[in-house]
Amino acid sequence: MSFRSEKKADPFYFSEQWKNLRRYRLLIDKFICAVPGCKEKASVVDHIVSRMDGGRDRLENLRSLCSLHDRQMKEKTNRKRGMNGRLPSLCDENGMPYDPDHPWHRPGGVKKV
C-alpha cells in the first residue's frame, strides 16, 4: 500500500471532529487560501505539522489552501512535504505573480534602477 493511499484511509479524516475543525478553519480564513497574496478559493485544510510528524489537530496547526498550493505542499511517497512545509511562493506554476498590482502586470513592467 502506498503512503498516499494510507493517508486517505486514515479514519480521522471522516470523523466529526475533523469535519468541524475543517469547517471552522475555512470560516476563519473566509474560504481564501492562506498563502499571502493568493486570493483563490480555499478548498483544502492542511496540517502545518503533519499528523504523522506529531502535529496536533488544533486550529493553530491548520491552514486553508487553494488546490494549486495544496499540490505544491503535498507530501510525497517518501513523506517529505513539498516546499519543506513552508508556504509556497506568491507565483503561479509559470512564475507569474498572483498579485494583479505586481509591476509585472503593468505596462512597462519592472523598471531597472
C-alpha atoms as a PDB file:
ATOM      1  CA  MET A   1       0.000   0.000   0.000  1.00  0.00           C
ATOM      2  CA  SER A   2       1.415   3.427  -0.892  1.00  0.00           C
ATOM      3  CA  PHE A   3       1.788   6.277   1.571  1.00  0.00           C
ATOM      4  CA  ARG A   4      -0.799   8.359  -0.263  1.00  0.00           C
ATOM      5  CA  SER A   5      -3.458   5.641  -0.046  1.00  0.00           C
ATOM      6  CA  GLU A   6      -2.622   5.053   3.628  1.00  0.00           C
ATOM      7  CA  LYS A   7      -3.305   8.723   4.324  1.00  0.00           C
ATOM      8  CA  LYS A   8      -6.641   8.610   2.532  1.00  0.00           C
ATOM      9  CA  ALA A   9      -7.613   5.599   4.611  1.00  0.00           C
ATOM     10  CA  ASP A  10      -7.000   7.460   7.903  1.00  0.00           C
ATOM     11  CA  PRO A  11     -10.392   7.279   9.663  1.00  0.00           C
ATOM     12  CA  PHE A  12      -9.740  10.611  11.420  1.00  0.00           C
ATOM     13  CA  TYR A  13     -10.492  12.475   8.182  1.00  0.00           C
ATOM     14  CA  PHE A  14     -14.019  11.022   8.221  1.00  0.00           C
ATOM     15  CA  SER A  15     -14.690  11.942  11.870  1.00  0.00           C
ATOM     16  CA  GLU A  16     -16.985  14.690  13.118  1.00  0.00           C
ATOM     17  CA  GLN A  17     -14.006  16.218  14.938  1.00  0.00           C
ATOM     18  CA  TRP A  18     -12.129  16.683  11.629  1.00  0.00           C
ATOM     19  CA  LYS A  19     -15.220  17.913   9.772  1.00  0.00           C
ATOM     20  CA  ASN A  20     -15.820  20.551  12.458  1.00  0.00           C
ATOM     21  CA  LEU A  21     -12.163  21.647  12.581  1.00  0.00           C
ATOM     22  CA  ARG A  22     -12.011  21.842   8.790  1.00  0.00           C
ATOM     23  CA  ARG A  23     -15.208  23.877   8.529  1.00  0.00           C
ATOM     24  CA  TYR A  24     -14.136  26.266  11.294  1.00  0.00           C
ATOM     25  CA  ARG A  25     -10.659  26.828   9.755  1.00  0.00           C
ATOM     26  CA  LEU A  26     -12.254  27.589   6.367  1.00  0.00           C
ATOM     27  CA  LEU A  27     -14.682  30.013   8.028  1.00  0.00           C
ATOM     28  CA  ILE A  28     -11.864  31.771   9.902  1.00  0.00           C
ATOM     29  CA  ASP A  29      -9.936  32.151   6.634  1.00  0.00           C
ATOM     30  CA  LYS A  30     -13.134  33.210   4.801  1.00  0.00           C
ATOM     31  CA  PHE A  31     -12.576  30.336   2.355  1.00  0.00           C
ATOM     32  CA  ILE A  32      -9.494  32.140   0.957  1.00  0.00           C
ATOM     33  CA  CYS A  33      -6.069  30.497   0.545  1.00  0.00           C
ATOM     34  CA  ALA A  34      -3.683  31.301   3.429  1.00  0.00           C
ATOM     35  CA  VAL A  35      -0.736  31.933   1.092  1.00  0.00           C
ATOM     36  CA  PRO A  36      -0.053  35.681   1.237  1.00  0.00           C
ATOM     37  CA  GLY A  37      -1.115  37.349  -1.986  1.00  0.00           C
ATOM     38  CA  CYS A  38      -3.185  34.402  -3.174  1.00  0.00           C
ATOM     39  CA  LYS A  39      -6.843  35.256  -3.405  1.00  0.00           C
ATOM     40  CA  GLU A  40      -8.029  31.881  -4.710  1.00  0.00           C
ATOM     41  CA  LYS A  41     -10.832  29.954  -3.036  1.00  0.00           C
ATOM     42  CA  ALA A  42      -9.564  27.569  -0.368  1.00  0.00           C
ATOM     43  CA  SER A  43     -10.831  24.043  -0.787  1.00  0.00           C
ATOM     44  CA  VAL A  44      -8.301  22.157   1.359  1.00  0.00           C
ATOM     45  CA  VAL A  45      -7.416  22.375   5.044  1.00  0.00           C
ATOM     46  CA  ASP A  46      -3.809  21.344   5.635  1.00  0.00           C
ATOM     47  CA  HIS A  47      -1.932  20.433   8.797  1.00  0.00           C
ATOM     48  CA  ILE A  48       1.104  22.731   9.101  1.00  0.00           C
ATOM     49  CA  VAL A  49       2.945  19.992  11.007  1.00  0.00           C
ATOM     50  CA  SER A  50       1.553  16.728   9.680  1.00  0.00           C
ATOM     51  CA  ARG A  51      -0.201  14.294  11.984  1.00  0.00           C
ATOM     52  CA  MET A  52       2.401  11.635  11.127  1.00  0.00           C
ATOM     53  CA  ASP A  53       5.103  14.004  12.414  1.00  0.00           C
ATOM     54  CA  GLY A  54       3.267  14.701  15.657  1.00  0.00           C
ATOM     55  CA  GLY A  55       1.212  17.688  14.532  1.00  0.00           C
ATOM     56  CA  ARG A  56      -1.864  18.257  16.635  1.00  0.00           C
ATOM     57  CA  ASP A  57      -5.418  18.508  15.430  1.00  0.00           C
ATOM     58  CA  ARG A  58      -5.855  22.111  16.527  1.00  0.00           C
ATOM     59  CA  LEU A  59      -6.836  25.261  14.659  1.00  0.00           C
ATOM     60  CA  GLU A  60      -3.354  26.720  15.268  1.00  0.00           C
ATOM     61  CA  ASN A  61      -1.867  23.809  13.286  1.00  0.00           C
ATOM     62  CA  LEU A  62      -4.243  24.131  10.336  1.00  0.00           C
ATOM     63  CA  ARG A  63      -4.327  26.401   7.288  1.00  0.00           C
ATOM     64  CA  SER A  64      -6.669  26.793   4.355  1.00  0.00           C
ATOM     65  CA  LEU A  65      -5.160  26.273   0.897  1.00  0.00           C
ATOM     66  CA  CYS A  66      -6.328  26.519  -2.695  1.00  0.00           C
ATOM     67  CA  SER A  67      -5.858  23.410  -4.818  1.00  0.00           C
ATOM     68  CA  LEU A  68      -2.679  24.756  -6.504  1.00  0.00           C
ATOM     69  CA  HIS A  69      -0.911  25.491  -3.228  1.00  0.00           C
ATOM     70  CA  ASP A  70      -2.090  22.214  -1.750  1.00  0.00           C
ATOM     71  CA  ARG A  71      -0.480  20.368  -4.684  1.00  0.00           C
ATOM     72  CA  GLN A  72       2.755  22.301  -4.127  1.00  0.00           C
ATOM     73  CA  MET A  73       2.796  21.310  -0.446  1.00  0.00           C
ATOM     74  CA  LYS A  74       1.541  17.728  -0.770  1.00  0.00           C
ATOM     75  CA  GLU A  75       3.538  15.005   0.936  1.00  0.00           C
ATOM     76  CA  LYS A  76       5.439  12.751  -1.425  1.00  0.00           C
ATOM     77  CA  THR A  77       5.738   8.984  -1.116  1.00  0.00           C
ATOM     78  CA  ASN A  78       8.926   9.482   0.949  1.00  0.00           C
ATOM     79  CA  ARG A  79       6.870  11.525   3.487  1.00  0.00           C
ATOM     80  CA  LYS A  80       8.744  14.717   2.580  1.00  0.00           C
ATOM     81  CA  ARG A  81       6.489  17.700   2.081  1.00  0.00           C
ATOM     82  CA  GLY A  82       6.759  19.937  -0.919  1.00  0.00           C
ATOM     83  CA  MET A  83       8.323  23.324  -0.084  1.00  0.00           C
ATOM     84  CA  ASN A  84       9.526  21.704   3.190  1.00  0.00           C
ATOM     85  CA  GLY A  85       6.126  22.553   4.655  1.00  0.00           C
ATOM     86  CA  ARG A  86       6.638  26.299   4.198  1.00  0.00           C
ATOM     87  CA  LEU A  87       4.057  28.411   2.467  1.00  0.00           C
ATOM     88  CA  PRO A  88       4.634  28.455  -1.282  1.00  0.00           C
ATOM     89  CA  SER A  89       5.686  31.433  -3.318  1.00  0.00           C
ATOM     90  CA  LEU A  90       3.361  34.172  -4.425  1.00  0.00           C
ATOM     91  CA  CYS A  91       3.607  32.997  -8.036  1.00  0.00           C
ATOM     92  CA  ASP A  92       1.627  30.564 -10.148  1.00  0.00           C
ATOM     93  CA  GLU A  93       3.019  27.463 -11.852  1.00  0.00           C
ATOM     94  CA  ASN A  94       4.507  29.644 -14.626  1.00  0.00           C
ATOM     95  CA  GLY A  95       6.266  32.017 -12.229  1.00  0.00           C
ATOM     96  CA  MET A  96       3.779  34.854 -12.711  1.00  0.00           C
ATOM     97  CA  PRO A  97       2.838  36.771  -9.534  1.00  0.00           C
ATOM     98  CA  TYR A  98      -0.727  36.292  -8.293  1.00  0.00           C
ATOM     99  CA  ASP A  99      -0.982  39.909  -7.187  1.00  0.00           C
ATOM    100  CA  PRO A 100      -2.635  41.844 -10.048  1.00  0.00           C
ATOM    101  CA  ASP A 101      -0.917  45.000  -8.766  1.00  0.00           C
ATOM    102  CA  HIS A 102       2.570  43.475  -9.144  1.00  0.00           C
ATOM    103  CA  PRO A 103       4.734  45.572 -11.523  1.00  0.00           C
ATOM    104  CA  TRP A 104       4.970  42.647 -13.973  1.00  0.00           C
ATOM    105  CA  HIS A 105       1.269  43.088 -14.709  1.00  0.00           C
ATOM    106  CA  ARG A 106       1.617  46.804 -15.517  1.00  0.00           C
ATOM    107  CA  PRO A 107       2.564  48.335 -18.846  1.00  0.00           C
ATOM    108  CA  GLY A 108       6.344  48.772 -18.897  1.00  0.00           C
ATOM    109  CA  GLY A 109       6.923  46.032 -16.317  1.00  0.00           C
ATOM    110  CA  VAL A 110       9.654  46.386 -13.693  1.00  0.00           C
ATOM    111  CA  LYS A 111      11.836  49.470 -14.054  1.00  0.00           C
ATOM    112  CA  LYS A 112      15.594  48.983 -13.706  1.00  0.00           C
ATOM    113  CA  VAL A 113      17.308  51.252 -11.223  1.00  0.00           C
END
